[in-house]
Amino acid sequence: MGPQEDSQPGIAIPTRVGVNRTRAGFRWRVAAEPTDTYVRGDLAVDFAERQITWGDRRVPLAATEYRMLSEIAARSGRV
């Protein structure tokens, strides 16, 4: 018997279609972002201005960091 040519069962390889669907899901969620301001203690997430403040100081965040924090704030009590 020769070596097996089959791929290993149970290993999922992401396809371009699957990756595109995932990205589309993120775009949909960001579009549904609230327009008011979320405040919890010193933290304030201004969805309309896309700014984060801690106390009276603006917090500079990368785009991905802002998206993650705004997703959590928008779903406060459910996350």
C-alpha atoms as a PDB file:
ATOM      1  CA  MET A   1       0.000   0.000   0.000  1.00  0.00           C
ATOM      2  CA  GLY A   2       1.212   3.505  -0.826  1.00  0.00           C
ATOM      3  CA  PRO A   3       0.942   6.620   1.274  1.00  0.00           C
ATOM      4  CA  GLN A   4      -2.499   8.115   1.718  1.00  0.00           C
ATOM      5  CA  GLU A   5      -3.278  11.023  -0.576  1.00  0.00           C
ATOM      6  CA  ASP A   6      -6.389  12.115   1.353  1.00  0.00           C
ATOM      7  CA  SER A   7      -6.467  15.222   3.503  1.00  0.00           C
ATOM      8  CA  GLN A   8      -6.949  14.702   7.204  1.00  0.00           C
ATOM      9  CA  PRO A   9     -10.597  14.433   8.227  1.00  0.00           C
ATOM     10  CA  GLY A  10     -11.922  17.103  10.565  1.00  0.00           C
ATOM     11  CA  ILE A  11      -9.668  19.914   9.381  1.00  0.00           C
ATOM     12  CA  ALA A  12     -11.664  22.810   7.983  1.00  0.00           C
ATOM     13  CA  ILE A  13      -9.954  25.054   5.475  1.00  0.00           C
ATOM     14  CA  PRO A  14     -11.628  28.469   5.162  1.00  0.00           C
ATOM     15  CA  THR A  15     -12.837  29.259   1.685  1.00  0.00           C
ATOM     16  CA  ARG A  16     -12.995  32.662   0.063  1.00  0.00           C
ATOM     17  CA  VAL A  17     -16.810  32.486   0.223  1.00  0.00           C
ATOM     18  CA  GLY A  18     -16.752  31.806   3.976  1.00  0.00           C
ATOM     19  CA  VAL A  19     -14.312  34.649   4.618  1.00  0.00           C
ATOM     20  CA  ASN A  20     -16.407  37.068   2.537  1.00  0.00           C
ATOM     21  CA  ARG A  21     -19.583  36.104   4.429  1.00  0.00           C
ATOM     22  CA  THR A  22     -17.822  36.736   7.736  1.00  0.00           C
ATOM     23  CA  ARG A  23     -16.658  40.158   6.582  1.00  0.00           C
ATOM     24  CA  ALA A  24     -20.154  40.990   5.344  1.00  0.00           C
ATOM     25  CA  GLY A  25     -21.529  40.096   8.786  1.00  0.00           C
ATOM     26  CA  PHE A  26     -19.120  42.552  10.436  1.00  0.00           C
ATOM     27  CA  ARG A  27     -20.121  45.321   8.008  1.00  0.00           C
ATOM     28  CA  TRP A  28     -23.798  44.692   8.795  1.00  0.00           C
ATOM     29  CA  ARG A  29     -23.211  44.887  12.542  1.00  0.00           C
ATOM     30  CA  VAL A  30     -21.196  48.084  12.337  1.00  0.00           C
ATOM     31  CA  ALA A  31     -23.925  49.701  10.202  1.00  0.00           C
ATOM     32  CA  ALA A  32     -26.458  48.896  12.956  1.00  0.00           C
ATOM     33  CA  GLU A  33     -24.413  50.803  15.546  1.00  0.00           C
ATOM     34  CA  PRO A  34     -26.450  53.023  17.902  1.00  0.00           C
ATOM     35  CA  THR A  35     -26.203  56.807  17.552  1.00  0.00           C
ATOM     36  CA  ASP A  36     -26.426  57.796  21.229  1.00  0.00           C
ATOM     37  CA  THR A  37     -23.646  57.774  23.839  1.00  0.00           C
ATOM     38  CA  TYR A  38     -22.957  54.826  26.157  1.00  0.00           C
ATOM     39  CA  VAL A  39     -21.693  55.858  29.610  1.00  0.00           C
ATOM     40  CA  ARG A  40     -20.499  53.501  32.327  1.00  0.00           C
ATOM     41  CA  GLY A  41     -18.545  55.120  35.158  1.00  0.00           C
ATOM     42  CA  ASP A  42     -15.680  57.098  33.610  1.00  0.00           C
ATOM     43  CA  LEU A  43     -16.023  55.348  30.236  1.00  0.00           C
ATOM     44  CA  ALA A  44     -18.030  57.072  27.498  1.00  0.00           C
ATOM     45  CA  VAL A  45     -18.514  55.698  23.976  1.00  0.00           C
ATOM     46  CA  ASP A  46     -19.859  58.338  21.606  1.00  0.00           C
ATOM     47  CA  PHE A  47     -21.197  56.277  18.691  1.00  0.00           C
ATOM     48  CA  ALA A  48     -22.108  59.297  16.535  1.00  0.00           C
ATOM     49  CA  GLU A  49     -18.605  60.820  16.775  1.00  0.00           C
ATOM     50  CA  ARG A  50     -16.850  57.421  17.008  1.00  0.00           C
ATOM     51  CA  GLN A  51     -14.873  58.583  20.054  1.00  0.00           C
ATOM     52  CA  ILE A  52     -13.999  56.955  23.361  1.00  0.00           C
ATOM     53  CA  THR A  53     -13.329  59.031  26.464  1.00  0.00           C
ATOM     54  CA  TRP A  54     -12.164  58.036  29.911  1.00  0.00           C
ATOM     55  CA  GLY A  55     -13.067  60.762  32.367  1.00  0.00           C
ATOM     56  CA  ASP A  56     -12.260  63.973  30.511  1.00  0.00           C
ATOM     57  CA  ARG A  57      -9.535  62.447  28.296  1.00  0.00           C
ATOM     58  CA  ARG A  58     -10.028  61.154  24.763  1.00  0.00           C
ATOM     59  CA  VAL A  59      -8.704  57.607  24.279  1.00  0.00           C
ATOM     60  CA  PRO A  60      -6.980  57.053  20.918  1.00  0.00           C
ATOM     61  CA  LEU A  61      -7.859  53.623  19.520  1.00  0.00           C
ATOM     62  CA  ALA A  62      -7.114  51.792  16.297  1.00  0.00           C
ATOM     63  CA  ALA A  63     -10.132  51.029  14.098  1.00  0.00           C
ATOM     64  CA  THR A  64     -10.290  47.387  15.218  1.00  0.00           C
ATOM     65  CA  GLU A  65      -9.991  48.333  18.885  1.00  0.00           C
ATOM     66  CA  TYR A  66     -12.820  50.857  18.526  1.00  0.00           C
ATOM     67  CA  ARG A  67     -15.038  48.309  16.741  1.00  0.00           C
ATOM     68  CA  MET A  68     -14.496  45.714  19.464  1.00  0.00           C
ATOM     69  CA  LEU A  69     -15.196  48.153  22.305  1.00  0.00           C
ATOM     70  CA  SER A  70     -18.232  49.667  20.575  1.00  0.00           C
ATOM     71  CA  GLU A  71     -19.683  46.197  19.884  1.00  0.00           C
ATOM     72  CA  ILE A  72     -19.376  45.331  23.589  1.00  0.00           C
ATOM     73  CA  ALA A  73     -20.834  48.687  24.696  1.00  0.00           C
ATOM     74  CA  ALA A  74     -23.734  48.434  22.238  1.00  0.00           C
ATOM     75  CA  ARG A  75     -24.634  45.033  23.677  1.00  0.00           C
ATOM     76  CA  SER A  76     -24.190  45.937  27.333  1.00  0.00           C
ATOM     77  CA  GLY A  77     -26.025  43.487  29.539  1.00  0.00           C
ATOM     78  CA  ARG A  78     -26.042  40.814  26.828  1.00  0.00           C
ATOM     79  CA  VAL A  79     -22.281  40.268  26.427  1.00  0.00           C
END
